[in-house]
């Protein structure tokens, strides 16, 4: 059961680039959760998968604490959903948006999350350098925060240029 959680129901066994597959599956599920159930459900799902990820990674890596196996993608799910929360919140609290996020929002959240997850700048890299189960989760959560903030900034700039 632990391996099913950490590999997000075995998505982490897809090759090549299991982290990208994990992010894509997370993106699709996140867009569906937000579109059908709304922002509060996406927020709840993000909190739940984050808690579950910390717990499952600690269990899965207890005998190999310094590893970060590529098949563990629950961290990508948590980070991708965190990145998606930013544009989802902007539309939820903004003027009259219902239904699915428009395509630039979720595409931007995905691309920016993958950029920060692979590049590992600043706090992302520091979390990754921990080489422990907490670091496995934290680097992707920081990447999600950076991606979410960047998505909002780029969205604002896009609208300023487009509508000025």
N, C-alpha and C. Protein backbone atom coordinates (compact mmCIF):
# COMPACT_ATOMS: atom_id res chain seq x y z
N UNK A 1 0.81 -1.19 0.00
CA UNK A 1 0.00 0.00 0.00
C UNK A 1 0.86 1.26 0.00
N UNK A 2 1.97 1.26 0.74
CA UNK A 2 2.86 2.42 0.80
C UNK A 2 3.42 2.71 -0.59
N UNK A 3 3.86 1.68 -1.29
CA UNK A 3 4.43 1.87 -2.63
C UNK A 3 3.37 2.39 -3.60
N UNK A 4 2.14 1.96 -3.45
CA UNK A 4 1.07 2.48 -4.31
C UNK A 4 0.89 3.98 -4.08
N UNK A 5 1.04 4.42 -2.85
CA UNK A 5 0.90 5.85 -2.53
C UNK A 5 2.10 6.63 -3.05
N UNK A 6 3.31 6.18 -2.72
CA UNK A 6 4.49 6.96 -3.11
C UNK A 6 4.68 7.01 -4.62
N UNK A 7 4.26 5.98 -5.33
CA UNK A 7 4.36 5.97 -6.80
C UNK A 7 3.09 6.51 -7.45
N UNK A 8 2.19 7.03 -6.65
CA UNK A 8 0.88 7.52 -7.08
C UNK A 8 0.21 6.49 -7.98
N UNK A 9 -0.07 5.36 -7.35
CA UNK A 9 -0.73 4.24 -8.01
C UNK A 9 0.04 3.76 -9.23
N UNK A 10 1.37 3.71 -9.05
CA UNK A 10 2.33 3.14 -9.99
C UNK A 10 2.61 3.99 -11.22
N UNK A 11 2.13 5.22 -11.25
CA UNK A 11 2.50 6.15 -12.32
C UNK A 11 4.01 6.36 -12.32
N UNK A 12 4.62 6.32 -11.14
CA UNK A 12 6.06 6.52 -11.02
C UNK A 12 6.90 5.46 -11.70
N UNK A 13 6.28 4.38 -12.15
CA UNK A 13 7.02 3.34 -12.86
C UNK A 13 7.05 3.57 -14.37
N UNK A 14 6.36 4.60 -14.84
CA UNK A 14 6.40 4.91 -16.27
C UNK A 14 7.76 5.51 -16.61
N UNK A 15 8.29 5.14 -17.76
CA UNK A 15 9.60 5.61 -18.19
C UNK A 15 9.49 6.15 -19.60
N UNK A 16 10.32 7.06 -20.02
CA UNK A 16 11.27 7.80 -19.20
C UNK A 16 10.57 8.94 -18.47
N UNK A 17 11.28 9.63 -17.62
CA UNK A 17 10.82 10.82 -16.91
C UNK A 17 9.58 10.58 -16.04
N UNK A 18 9.68 9.71 -15.03
CA UNK A 18 8.53 9.46 -14.17
C UNK A 18 8.00 10.70 -13.46
N UNK A 19 8.87 11.65 -13.15
CA UNK A 19 8.41 12.89 -12.50
C UNK A 19 7.49 13.69 -13.41
N UNK A 20 7.80 13.70 -14.70
CA UNK A 20 6.94 14.41 -15.65
C UNK A 20 5.60 13.70 -15.80
N UNK A 21 5.62 12.36 -15.85
CA UNK A 21 4.35 11.62 -15.90
C UNK A 21 3.53 11.87 -14.63
N UNK A 22 4.20 11.86 -13.49
CA UNK A 22 3.49 12.13 -12.24
C UNK A 22 2.87 13.52 -12.24
N UNK A 23 3.60 14.50 -12.76
CA UNK A 23 3.09 15.87 -12.84
C UNK A 23 1.92 15.97 -13.82
N UNK A 24 2.01 15.27 -14.95
CA UNK A 24 0.92 15.30 -15.93
C UNK A 24 -0.36 14.68 -15.38
N UNK A 25 -0.22 13.54 -14.72
CA UNK A 25 -1.39 12.90 -14.11
C UNK A 25 -1.97 13.81 -13.03
N UNK A 26 -1.09 14.39 -12.22
CA UNK A 26 -1.54 15.32 -11.18
C UNK A 26 -2.25 16.52 -11.79
N UNK A 27 -1.71 17.05 -12.86
CA UNK A 27 -2.32 18.20 -13.52
C UNK A 27 -3.73 17.85 -14.00
N UNK A 28 -3.86 16.72 -14.69
CA UNK A 28 -5.18 16.32 -15.19
C UNK A 28 -6.18 16.15 -14.04
N UNK A 29 -5.76 15.47 -12.99
CA UNK A 29 -6.66 15.28 -11.84
C UNK A 29 -6.96 16.61 -11.15
N UNK A 30 -5.95 17.46 -11.02
CA UNK A 30 -6.15 18.76 -10.37
C UNK A 30 -7.13 19.64 -11.13
N UNK A 31 -6.99 19.66 -12.46
CA UNK A 31 -7.91 20.45 -13.29
C UNK A 31 -9.33 19.90 -13.16
N UNK A 32 -9.46 18.58 -13.14
CA UNK A 32 -10.79 17.97 -12.98
C UNK A 32 -11.38 18.26 -11.60
N UNK A 33 -10.57 18.16 -10.55
CA UNK A 33 -11.06 18.46 -9.20
C UNK A 33 -11.53 19.91 -9.13
N UNK A 34 -10.70 20.82 -9.63
CA UNK A 34 -11.07 22.24 -9.59
C UNK A 34 -12.30 22.51 -10.46
N UNK A 35 -12.34 21.92 -11.64
CA UNK A 35 -13.44 22.18 -12.57
C UNK A 35 -14.78 21.64 -12.09
N UNK A 36 -14.77 20.44 -11.53
CA UNK A 36 -16.03 19.82 -11.11
C UNK A 36 -16.40 20.10 -9.65
N UNK A 37 -15.40 20.16 -8.78
CA UNK A 37 -15.68 20.29 -7.35
C UNK A 37 -15.33 21.67 -6.79
N UNK A 38 -14.50 22.41 -7.50
CA UNK A 38 -14.17 23.78 -7.10
C UNK A 38 -12.86 23.90 -6.34
N UNK A 39 -12.47 25.15 -6.16
CA UNK A 39 -11.22 25.47 -5.49
C UNK A 39 -11.10 24.88 -4.08
N UNK A 40 -12.17 24.95 -3.24
CA UNK A 40 -12.03 24.36 -1.89
C UNK A 40 -11.67 22.88 -1.92
N UNK A 41 -12.21 22.14 -2.89
CA UNK A 41 -11.89 20.72 -3.00
C UNK A 41 -10.44 20.52 -3.43
N UNK A 42 -9.96 21.37 -4.34
CA UNK A 42 -8.55 21.27 -4.75
C UNK A 42 -7.63 21.60 -3.58
N UNK A 43 -7.99 22.59 -2.80
CA UNK A 43 -7.20 22.93 -1.62
C UNK A 43 -7.18 21.75 -0.64
N UNK A 44 -8.32 21.17 -0.38
CA UNK A 44 -8.39 20.01 0.52
C UNK A 44 -7.60 18.83 -0.01
N UNK A 45 -7.71 18.57 -1.32
CA UNK A 45 -6.96 17.46 -1.92
C UNK A 45 -5.45 17.71 -1.83
N UNK A 46 -5.04 18.95 -2.03
CA UNK A 46 -3.62 19.30 -1.94
C UNK A 46 -3.09 19.09 -0.53
N UNK A 47 -3.84 19.55 0.45
CA UNK A 47 -3.43 19.34 1.84
C UNK A 47 -3.37 17.86 2.18
N UNK A 48 -4.36 17.10 1.73
CA UNK A 48 -4.40 15.66 2.02
C UNK A 48 -3.24 14.92 1.36
N UNK A 49 -2.97 15.19 0.08
CA UNK A 49 -1.90 14.47 -0.61
C UNK A 49 -0.54 14.89 -0.06
N UNK A 50 -0.42 16.13 0.41
CA UNK A 50 0.84 16.57 1.01
C UNK A 50 1.09 15.82 2.32
N UNK A 51 0.10 15.76 3.16
CA UNK A 51 0.24 15.01 4.42
C UNK A 51 0.52 13.55 4.12
N UNK A 52 -0.24 12.97 3.21
CA UNK A 52 -0.06 11.56 2.85
C UNK A 52 1.34 11.33 2.28
N UNK A 53 1.83 12.28 1.49
CA UNK A 53 3.17 12.15 0.91
C UNK A 53 4.27 12.16 1.96
N UNK A 54 4.19 13.07 2.92
CA UNK A 54 5.19 13.09 4.01
C UNK A 54 5.15 11.77 4.77
N UNK A 55 3.96 11.30 5.09
CA UNK A 55 3.82 10.05 5.85
C UNK A 55 4.34 8.86 5.06
N UNK A 56 3.91 8.72 3.80
CA UNK A 56 4.28 7.57 2.99
C UNK A 56 5.77 7.57 2.64
N UNK A 57 6.34 8.74 2.36
CA UNK A 57 7.78 8.80 2.07
C UNK A 57 8.60 8.39 3.29
N UNK A 58 8.18 8.83 4.47
CA UNK A 58 8.89 8.43 5.68
C UNK A 58 8.85 6.92 5.87
N UNK A 59 7.69 6.32 5.61
CA UNK A 59 7.56 4.86 5.74
C UNK A 59 8.36 4.14 4.66
N UNK A 60 8.23 4.58 3.42
CA UNK A 60 8.87 3.91 2.29
C UNK A 60 10.39 4.00 2.36
N UNK A 61 10.91 5.11 2.87
CA UNK A 61 12.35 5.35 2.87
C UNK A 61 13.00 5.13 4.23
N UNK A 62 12.30 4.50 5.17
CA UNK A 62 12.86 4.35 6.52
C UNK A 62 14.13 3.52 6.54
N UNK A 63 14.27 2.53 5.65
CA UNK A 63 15.48 1.70 5.61
C UNK A 63 16.52 2.22 4.61
N UNK A 64 16.19 3.25 3.90
CA UNK A 64 17.10 3.88 2.93
C UNK A 64 16.89 5.39 2.96
N UNK A 65 17.19 6.00 4.08
CA UNK A 65 16.82 7.39 4.33
C UNK A 65 17.47 8.43 3.41
N UNK A 66 18.57 8.09 2.76
CA UNK A 66 19.24 9.09 1.93
C UNK A 66 18.87 8.98 0.46
N UNK A 67 17.95 8.11 0.13
CA UNK A 67 17.56 7.92 -1.27
C UNK A 67 16.40 8.82 -1.65
N UNK A 68 16.31 9.11 -2.94
CA UNK A 68 15.17 9.80 -3.54
C UNK A 68 14.88 9.09 -4.85
N UNK A 69 14.28 7.89 -4.76
CA UNK A 69 14.04 7.10 -5.97
C UNK A 69 13.14 7.83 -6.95
N UNK A 70 13.46 7.72 -8.23
CA UNK A 70 12.70 8.44 -9.26
C UNK A 70 11.25 7.96 -9.35
N UNK A 71 10.98 6.73 -8.90
CA UNK A 71 9.60 6.23 -8.99
C UNK A 71 8.67 6.86 -7.94
N UNK A 72 9.23 7.50 -6.94
CA UNK A 72 8.40 8.21 -5.97
C UNK A 72 7.94 9.51 -6.61
N UNK A 73 6.63 9.61 -6.88
CA UNK A 73 6.09 10.80 -7.55
C UNK A 73 4.96 11.46 -6.75
N UNK A 74 4.69 10.97 -5.55
CA UNK A 74 3.67 11.63 -4.72
C UNK A 74 4.09 13.08 -4.44
N UNK A 75 5.40 13.32 -4.41
CA UNK A 75 5.91 14.68 -4.21
C UNK A 75 5.59 15.57 -5.41
N UNK A 76 5.65 15.02 -6.63
CA UNK A 76 5.27 15.78 -7.82
C UNK A 76 3.77 16.10 -7.79
N UNK A 77 2.98 15.16 -7.33
CA UNK A 77 1.53 15.40 -7.24
C UNK A 77 1.25 16.56 -6.29
N UNK A 78 1.85 16.52 -5.11
CA UNK A 78 1.65 17.59 -4.12
C UNK A 78 2.15 18.92 -4.66
N UNK A 79 3.33 18.94 -5.26
CA UNK A 79 3.89 20.18 -5.79
C UNK A 79 3.10 20.73 -6.96
N UNK A 80 2.67 19.84 -7.85
CA UNK A 80 1.88 20.29 -9.01
C UNK A 80 0.53 20.85 -8.57
N UNK A 81 -0.11 20.21 -7.63
CA UNK A 81 -1.39 20.72 -7.13
C UNK A 81 -1.19 22.04 -6.40
N UNK A 82 -0.08 22.18 -5.68
CA UNK A 82 0.20 23.45 -5.02
C UNK A 82 0.39 24.56 -6.06
N UNK A 83 1.12 24.28 -7.14
CA UNK A 83 1.30 25.26 -8.21
C UNK A 83 -0.05 25.62 -8.84
N UNK A 84 -0.91 24.64 -9.01
CA UNK A 84 -2.22 24.85 -9.62
C UNK A 84 -3.16 25.65 -8.71
N UNK A 85 -2.92 25.56 -7.40
CA UNK A 85 -3.77 26.30 -6.46
C UNK A 85 -3.72 27.81 -6.70
N UNK A 86 -2.58 28.34 -7.11
CA UNK A 86 -2.44 29.78 -7.29
C UNK A 86 -3.39 30.32 -8.37
N UNK A 87 -3.33 29.81 -9.60
CA UNK A 87 -4.30 30.32 -10.59
C UNK A 87 -5.73 29.92 -10.24
N UNK A 88 -5.93 28.75 -9.64
CA UNK A 88 -7.28 28.35 -9.26
C UNK A 88 -7.86 29.32 -8.23
N UNK A 89 -7.04 29.74 -7.28
CA UNK A 89 -7.49 30.71 -6.27
C UNK A 89 -7.78 32.06 -6.92
N UNK A 90 -6.93 32.47 -7.85
CA UNK A 90 -7.13 33.76 -8.52
C UNK A 90 -8.47 33.78 -9.25
N UNK A 91 -8.82 32.68 -9.90
CA UNK A 91 -10.10 32.63 -10.61
C UNK A 91 -11.26 32.42 -9.64
N UNK A 92 -11.04 31.66 -8.59
CA UNK A 92 -12.11 31.41 -7.61
C UNK A 92 -12.52 32.70 -6.90
N UNK A 93 -11.53 33.49 -6.49
CA UNK A 93 -11.81 34.73 -5.78
C UNK A 93 -11.97 35.92 -6.73
N UNK A 94 -11.75 35.69 -8.02
CA UNK A 94 -11.88 36.76 -9.01
C UNK A 94 -13.30 36.92 -9.49
N UNK A 95 -13.46 37.67 -10.55
CA UNK A 95 -14.80 37.99 -11.04
C UNK A 95 -15.47 36.85 -11.80
N UNK A 96 -16.42 36.22 -11.17
CA UNK A 96 -17.37 35.31 -11.79
C UNK A 96 -16.87 34.12 -12.56
N UNK A 97 -15.79 33.51 -12.20
CA UNK A 97 -15.29 32.33 -12.91
C UNK A 97 -15.94 31.09 -12.34
N UNK A 98 -16.51 30.30 -13.23
CA UNK A 98 -17.03 28.99 -12.83
C UNK A 98 -16.54 27.98 -13.86
N UNK A 99 -16.41 26.75 -13.44
CA UNK A 99 -15.98 25.70 -14.36
C UNK A 99 -14.48 25.54 -14.39
N UNK A 100 -13.99 25.16 -15.54
CA UNK A 100 -12.58 24.80 -15.69
C UNK A 100 -11.69 26.01 -15.88
N UNK A 101 -10.47 25.89 -15.36
CA UNK A 101 -9.46 26.93 -15.57
C UNK A 101 -9.20 27.08 -17.06
N UNK A 102 -9.01 28.31 -17.54
CA UNK A 102 -8.64 28.47 -18.95
C UNK A 102 -7.25 27.89 -19.19
N UNK A 103 -7.03 27.46 -20.44
CA UNK A 103 -5.80 26.72 -20.73
C UNK A 103 -4.51 27.45 -20.39
N UNK A 104 -4.34 28.74 -20.55
CA UNK A 104 -3.01 29.27 -20.21
C UNK A 104 -2.67 29.09 -18.74
N UNK A 105 -3.68 29.10 -17.88
CA UNK A 105 -3.42 29.01 -16.44
C UNK A 105 -2.85 27.65 -16.07
N UNK A 106 -3.48 26.58 -16.51
CA UNK A 106 -2.98 25.26 -16.11
C UNK A 106 -1.74 24.85 -16.88
N UNK A 107 -1.61 25.30 -18.12
CA UNK A 107 -0.38 25.00 -18.87
C UNK A 107 0.81 25.72 -18.22
N UNK A 108 0.59 26.99 -17.86
CA UNK A 108 1.65 27.74 -17.19
C UNK A 108 2.05 27.12 -15.86
N UNK A 109 1.06 26.71 -15.07
CA UNK A 109 1.36 26.08 -13.78
C UNK A 109 2.17 24.80 -13.97
N UNK A 110 1.83 24.03 -15.00
CA UNK A 110 2.57 22.79 -15.28
C UNK A 110 3.99 23.07 -15.73
N UNK A 111 4.15 23.91 -16.74
CA UNK A 111 5.48 24.19 -17.28
C UNK A 111 6.40 24.85 -16.24
N UNK A 112 5.86 25.78 -15.50
CA UNK A 112 6.66 26.43 -14.47
C UNK A 112 7.03 25.47 -13.35
N UNK A 113 6.11 24.59 -12.96
CA UNK A 113 6.44 23.60 -11.93
C UNK A 113 7.56 22.70 -12.41
N UNK A 114 7.48 22.20 -13.64
CA UNK A 114 8.53 21.32 -14.15
C UNK A 114 9.87 22.08 -14.22
N UNK A 115 9.82 23.34 -14.64
CA UNK A 115 11.04 24.15 -14.69
C UNK A 115 11.70 24.24 -13.32
N UNK A 116 10.94 24.64 -12.31
CA UNK A 116 11.52 24.79 -10.97
C UNK A 116 11.91 23.44 -10.36
N UNK A 117 11.17 22.38 -10.67
CA UNK A 117 11.48 21.06 -10.13
C UNK A 117 12.79 20.52 -10.72
N UNK A 118 13.03 20.80 -11.98
CA UNK A 118 14.25 20.32 -12.63
C UNK A 118 15.44 21.25 -12.34
N UNK A 119 15.22 22.54 -12.42
CA UNK A 119 16.28 23.54 -12.22
C UNK A 119 16.75 23.59 -10.77
N UNK A 120 15.84 23.48 -9.83
CA UNK A 120 16.09 23.47 -8.38
C UNK A 120 16.83 24.71 -7.86
N UNK A 121 16.28 25.90 -8.14
CA UNK A 121 16.93 27.11 -7.61
C UNK A 121 16.64 27.29 -6.12
N UNK A 122 17.49 28.01 -5.44
CA UNK A 122 17.26 28.52 -4.09
C UNK A 122 16.74 27.46 -3.12
N UNK A 123 15.59 27.71 -2.54
CA UNK A 123 15.03 26.82 -1.52
C UNK A 123 14.69 25.43 -2.06
N UNK A 124 14.41 25.34 -3.35
CA UNK A 124 14.13 24.03 -3.96
C UNK A 124 15.39 23.16 -3.86
N UNK A 125 16.52 23.73 -4.25
CA UNK A 125 17.78 23.00 -4.19
C UNK A 125 18.22 22.68 -2.78
N UNK A 126 17.98 23.62 -1.85
CA UNK A 126 18.34 23.37 -0.46
C UNK A 126 17.52 22.22 0.13
N UNK A 127 16.24 22.18 -0.21
CA UNK A 127 15.40 21.08 0.27
C UNK A 127 15.84 19.76 -0.34
N UNK A 128 16.16 19.77 -1.63
CA UNK A 128 16.62 18.56 -2.31
C UNK A 128 17.93 18.06 -1.71
N UNK A 129 18.78 18.97 -1.28
CA UNK A 129 20.09 18.61 -0.71
C UNK A 129 19.99 17.97 0.67
N UNK A 130 18.81 17.99 1.27
CA UNK A 130 18.64 17.36 2.58
C UNK A 130 18.89 15.85 2.52
N UNK A 131 18.55 15.25 1.39
CA UNK A 131 18.73 13.80 1.21
C UNK A 131 18.03 13.00 2.30
N UNK A 132 16.78 13.36 2.56
CA UNK A 132 15.98 12.60 3.52
C UNK A 132 14.53 12.62 3.03
N UNK A 133 13.66 11.83 3.66
CA UNK A 133 12.26 11.78 3.21
C UNK A 133 11.55 13.13 3.23
N UNK A 134 11.88 13.99 4.20
CA UNK A 134 11.28 15.32 4.24
C UNK A 134 11.73 16.13 3.02
N UNK A 135 13.00 16.04 2.68
CA UNK A 135 13.52 16.74 1.51
C UNK A 135 12.89 16.27 0.21
N UNK A 136 12.54 14.98 0.14
CA UNK A 136 11.86 14.43 -1.05
C UNK A 136 10.58 15.21 -1.31
N UNK A 137 9.83 15.50 -0.26
CA UNK A 137 8.59 16.24 -0.41
C UNK A 137 8.82 17.75 -0.53
N UNK A 138 9.72 18.28 0.30
CA UNK A 138 9.89 19.73 0.37
C UNK A 138 10.36 20.37 -0.92
N UNK A 139 11.27 19.73 -1.65
CA UNK A 139 11.76 20.37 -2.87
C UNK A 139 10.63 20.58 -3.87
N UNK A 140 9.71 19.64 -3.96
CA UNK A 140 8.60 19.79 -4.89
C UNK A 140 7.56 20.79 -4.38
N UNK A 141 7.41 20.88 -3.09
CA UNK A 141 6.50 21.89 -2.53
C UNK A 141 7.03 23.30 -2.78
N UNK A 142 8.35 23.49 -2.59
CA UNK A 142 8.94 24.80 -2.90
C UNK A 142 8.83 25.08 -4.40
N UNK A 143 9.06 24.07 -5.23
CA UNK A 143 8.90 24.27 -6.67
C UNK A 143 7.47 24.66 -7.00
N UNK A 144 6.51 24.08 -6.30
CA UNK A 144 5.10 24.44 -6.50
C UNK A 144 4.81 25.87 -6.10
N UNK A 145 5.38 26.31 -5.00
CA UNK A 145 5.19 27.70 -4.56
C UNK A 145 5.79 28.66 -5.58
N UNK A 146 7.03 28.40 -6.00
CA UNK A 146 7.67 29.27 -6.98
C UNK A 146 6.90 29.28 -8.30
N UNK A 147 6.43 28.10 -8.73
CA UNK A 147 5.67 28.01 -9.98
C UNK A 147 4.34 28.75 -9.87
N UNK A 148 3.67 28.59 -8.74
CA UNK A 148 2.39 29.27 -8.55
C UNK A 148 2.52 30.78 -8.55
N UNK A 149 3.51 31.28 -7.84
CA UNK A 149 3.74 32.73 -7.81
C UNK A 149 4.11 33.23 -9.20
N UNK A 150 4.99 32.51 -9.88
CA UNK A 150 5.40 32.90 -11.23
C UNK A 150 4.21 32.88 -12.19
N UNK A 151 3.33 31.90 -12.06
CA UNK A 151 2.15 31.82 -12.92
C UNK A 151 1.26 33.04 -12.73
N UNK A 152 1.10 33.47 -11.48
CA UNK A 152 0.28 34.65 -11.21
C UNK A 152 0.94 35.91 -11.79
N UNK A 153 2.24 36.06 -11.56
CA UNK A 153 2.97 37.22 -12.09
C UNK A 153 2.87 37.26 -13.62
N UNK A 154 3.11 36.13 -14.26
CA UNK A 154 3.03 36.09 -15.73
C UNK A 154 1.61 36.35 -16.21
N UNK A 155 0.62 35.84 -15.49
CA UNK A 155 -0.77 36.10 -15.85
C UNK A 155 -1.13 37.57 -15.75
N UNK A 156 -0.68 38.22 -14.70
CA UNK A 156 -0.93 39.66 -14.53
C UNK A 156 -0.23 40.43 -15.65
N UNK A 157 1.03 40.11 -15.92
CA UNK A 157 1.76 40.80 -16.99
C UNK A 157 1.08 40.59 -18.34
N UNK A 158 0.64 39.37 -18.60
CA UNK A 158 -0.06 39.06 -19.85
C UNK A 158 -1.31 39.92 -19.99
N UNK A 159 -2.08 40.01 -18.93
CA UNK A 159 -3.32 40.80 -18.99
C UNK A 159 -3.04 42.31 -19.08
N UNK A 160 -1.98 42.75 -18.46
CA UNK A 160 -1.62 44.17 -18.58
C UNK A 160 -1.23 44.51 -20.01
N UNK A 161 -0.48 43.64 -20.65
CA UNK A 161 -0.06 43.87 -22.04
C UNK A 161 -1.26 43.71 -22.98
N UNK A 162 -2.05 42.67 -22.77
CA UNK A 162 -3.16 42.36 -23.66
C UNK A 162 -4.28 43.41 -23.59
N UNK A 163 -4.56 43.90 -22.38
CA UNK A 163 -5.71 44.79 -22.19
C UNK A 163 -5.33 46.25 -21.94
N UNK A 164 -4.08 46.65 -22.25
CA UNK A 164 -3.76 48.05 -22.04
C UNK A 164 -3.69 48.81 -23.33
